[in-house]
Structure formats: structure tokens, C-alpha cells
């Protein structure tokens, strides 16, 4: 994944695509920072986690800029979020999330909301493939 980021950075530079170049540089910087913090190489899952976090930051910024009436900044954040999304795995649909949650509930034998932790632990591989807030909400809905 890291090699793909570097390759995409080179392509963006050759194409003079400043938005893509700058966004990829931010992602690479976040990866390097995390790598130094962990004192080791990042796995693809670690990088996907960074991408998810960066995308979420952009989503929150867009909401705040809209409230502040700064649509010019909303547009920039939205374009950055689109660049970040190109590196994320294909996102699961709501139906696929519901199926995964129902399978996890059945496998863990969860009956009440108190069993949510076990179900969510089983669903942790969905990180990066699905918005975990949606997954959590679906678990709560099924266990309630």
C-alpha cells in the first residue's frame, strides 16, 4: 500500500495535479509519523486505518465549514476526501454490513446489548471496508 502511495505521488507530480499531489503527501506524512510512533514498518491495515482517519477528519471539516458558510473550503476538503477514498478498499453496502452483523451475532451467541463488545470484536476486520459507526449502530439495532 505504501509503495502504491509513492507511485501515485510520482504520477500526480508528473501530471501536475497539485490537489492529488498535496493530498498524497499528507497521507505519506501521516504514515511516516505513525511509523515513527510505532517504531516499525506499517502494515497495509495500519495504512488503511490512517486513510480512514484522514477521511473522517475531512468529513468533519466539511460539516464545520458548511456551518460557517465557507463553501470554498468545503469544496477543497471534499476533493481531498475523494483522493483519499481512491486508496481505501471497496466499501460494503448496508445490506452486506447487515449480513455480516447477523452472522457475527449468531456466531457469538449474543442476545443483549451487553454482548455488543464480543460482536464488535468479531467484526473488527471490517475496519476500512465499512464505517464502524454504521456497523455499531446495526449491532445495537439487532441486539435491542
Protein backbone atom coordinates (compact mmCIF):
# COMPACT_ATOMS: atom_id res chain seq x y z
CA UNK A 1 0.00 0.00 0.00
CA UNK A 2 2.84 2.38 0.88
CA UNK A 3 4.52 1.67 -2.44
CA UNK A 4 1.24 2.42 -4.20
CA UNK A 5 1.06 5.77 -2.42
CA UNK A 6 4.58 6.65 -3.53
CA UNK A 7 3.85 5.57 -7.10
CA UNK A 8 0.64 7.62 -7.17
CA UNK A 9 2.56 10.61 -5.80
CA UNK A 10 5.02 10.39 -8.69
CA UNK A 11 2.18 10.15 -11.20
CA UNK A 12 0.42 13.16 -9.67
CA UNK A 13 3.65 15.14 -9.84
CA UNK A 14 4.19 14.24 -13.50
CA UNK A 15 0.58 15.17 -14.29
CA UNK A 16 0.94 18.47 -12.40
CA UNK A 17 -2.14 17.53 -10.35
CA UNK A 18 -1.48 19.71 -7.31
CA UNK A 19 -4.54 18.66 -5.29
CA UNK A 20 -3.78 14.94 -5.64
CA UNK A 21 -0.05 15.51 -5.05
CA UNK A 22 -0.59 17.53 -1.89
CA UNK A 23 -3.19 15.12 -0.50
CA UNK A 24 -0.95 12.10 -1.09
CA UNK A 25 1.93 13.93 0.55
CA UNK A 26 -0.26 14.49 3.62
CA UNK A 27 -1.12 10.79 3.71
CA UNK A 28 2.53 9.78 3.38
CA UNK A 29 3.50 12.21 6.15
CA UNK A 30 0.82 10.73 8.41
CA UNK A 31 2.14 7.25 7.62
CA UNK A 32 5.72 8.27 8.43
CA UNK A 33 4.60 9.87 11.69
CA UNK A 34 2.72 6.71 12.67
CA UNK A 35 5.69 4.55 11.66
CA UNK A 36 8.00 6.56 13.92
CA UNK A 37 5.47 6.35 16.75
CA UNK A 38 5.26 2.57 16.42
CA UNK A 39 9.00 2.26 15.78
CA UNK A 40 8.49 -0.06 12.85
CA UNK A 41 7.01 -0.62 9.44
CA UNK A 42 3.32 -0.14 8.89
CA UNK A 43 1.14 -2.94 7.63
CA UNK A 44 -1.48 -2.37 4.97
CA UNK A 45 -4.12 -2.48 7.72
CA UNK A 46 -2.30 0.31 9.57
CA UNK A 47 -2.25 2.43 6.43
CA UNK A 48 -5.94 1.76 5.80
CA UNK A 49 -6.59 2.89 9.38
CA UNK A 50 -4.71 6.12 8.68
CA UNK A 51 -6.70 6.65 5.50
CA UNK A 52 -9.99 6.10 7.32
CA UNK A 53 -8.94 8.59 9.99
CA UNK A 54 -7.90 11.18 7.41
CA UNK A 55 -11.18 10.74 5.54
CA UNK A 56 -13.14 11.18 8.76
CA UNK A 57 -11.21 14.38 9.54
CA UNK A 58 -12.19 15.72 6.11
CA UNK A 59 -15.85 14.82 6.68
CA UNK A 60 -15.88 16.66 9.99
CA UNK A 61 -14.17 19.67 8.41
CA UNK A 62 -16.75 19.79 5.64
CA UNK A 63 -19.57 19.88 8.21
CA UNK A 64 -17.88 22.67 10.15
CA UNK A 65 -17.12 24.72 7.03
CA UNK A 66 -20.73 24.38 5.86
CA UNK A 67 -21.95 25.67 9.21
CA UNK A 68 -19.52 28.56 8.90
CA UNK A 69 -20.57 29.35 5.35
CA UNK A 70 -17.13 28.59 3.88
CA UNK A 71 -18.21 26.62 0.81
CA UNK A 72 -14.85 27.25 -0.88
CA UNK A 73 -13.12 25.28 1.86
CA UNK A 74 -15.84 22.60 1.74
CA UNK A 75 -15.00 22.01 -1.91
CA UNK A 76 -11.29 21.63 -1.18
CA UNK A 77 -11.92 19.19 1.68
CA UNK A 78 -14.34 17.22 -0.49
CA UNK A 79 -11.75 16.89 -3.26
CA UNK A 80 -9.15 15.73 -0.71
CA UNK A 81 -11.63 13.21 0.65
CA UNK A 82 -12.20 11.86 -2.88
CA UNK A 83 -8.44 11.39 -3.34
CA UNK A 84 -8.20 9.55 -0.02
CA UNK A 85 -11.17 7.35 -0.97
CA UNK A 86 -9.32 6.07 -4.04
CA UNK A 87 -6.86 4.30 -1.74
CA UNK A 88 -9.48 2.73 0.52
CA UNK A 89 -10.84 -0.76 -0.14
CA UNK A 90 -14.27 -1.09 -1.74
CA UNK A 91 -16.84 -0.10 0.88
CA UNK A 92 -19.50 -2.61 1.91
CA UNK A 93 -23.15 -1.85 1.19
CA UNK A 94 -25.67 -1.54 4.01
CA UNK A 95 -27.05 -4.97 3.11
CA UNK A 96 -23.59 -6.54 3.30
CA UNK A 97 -22.99 -4.88 6.67
CA UNK A 98 -26.29 -6.21 7.99
CA UNK A 99 -25.47 -9.73 6.82
CA UNK A 100 -22.02 -9.57 8.47
CA UNK A 101 -23.56 -8.29 11.72
CA UNK A 102 -26.22 -11.01 11.76
CA UNK A 103 -23.56 -13.69 11.17
CA UNK A 104 -21.40 -12.26 13.98
CA UNK A 105 -24.35 -12.11 16.36
CA UNK A 106 -25.19 -15.73 15.58
CA UNK A 107 -21.56 -16.89 15.93
CA UNK A 108 -21.08 -15.18 19.29
CA UNK A 109 -24.49 -16.20 20.59
CA UNK A 110 -25.15 -12.58 21.57
CA UNK A 111 -28.61 -11.92 22.95
CA UNK A 112 -28.47 -8.48 24.57
CA UNK A 113 -26.71 -5.17 24.19
CA UNK A 114 -24.30 -6.34 26.92
CA UNK A 115 -22.82 -8.76 24.38
CA UNK A 116 -22.02 -5.95 21.94
CA UNK A 117 -18.30 -5.98 22.72
CA UNK A 118 -17.92 -9.59 21.63
CA UNK A 119 -19.83 -8.95 18.43
CA UNK A 120 -17.82 -5.84 17.59
CA UNK A 121 -14.57 -7.72 18.26
CA UNK A 122 -15.63 -10.30 15.70
CA UNK A 123 -16.47 -7.53 13.23
CA UNK A 124 -13.15 -5.69 13.61
CA UNK A 125 -11.85 -6.99 10.24
CA UNK A 126 -14.45 -4.73 8.61
CA UNK A 127 -12.40 -1.65 9.54
CA UNK A 128 -11.60 0.21 6.35
CA UNK A 129 -14.26 -1.69 4.43
CA UNK A 130 -17.19 -0.20 6.33
CA UNK A 131 -17.92 2.79 8.53
CA UNK A 132 -17.64 1.28 12.00
CA UNK A 133 -20.24 3.72 13.35
CA UNK A 134 -22.76 2.23 10.94
CA UNK A 135 -21.68 -1.27 11.96
CA UNK A 136 -22.04 -0.36 15.65
CA UNK A 137 -25.48 1.13 15.06
CA UNK A 138 -26.58 -2.01 13.21
CA UNK A 139 -25.32 -4.22 16.06
CA UNK A 140 -27.26 -2.12 18.57
CA UNK A 141 -30.36 -2.30 16.39
CA UNK A 142 -30.20 -6.09 16.10
CA UNK A 143 -29.41 -6.69 19.78
CA UNK A 144 -32.13 -4.33 21.03
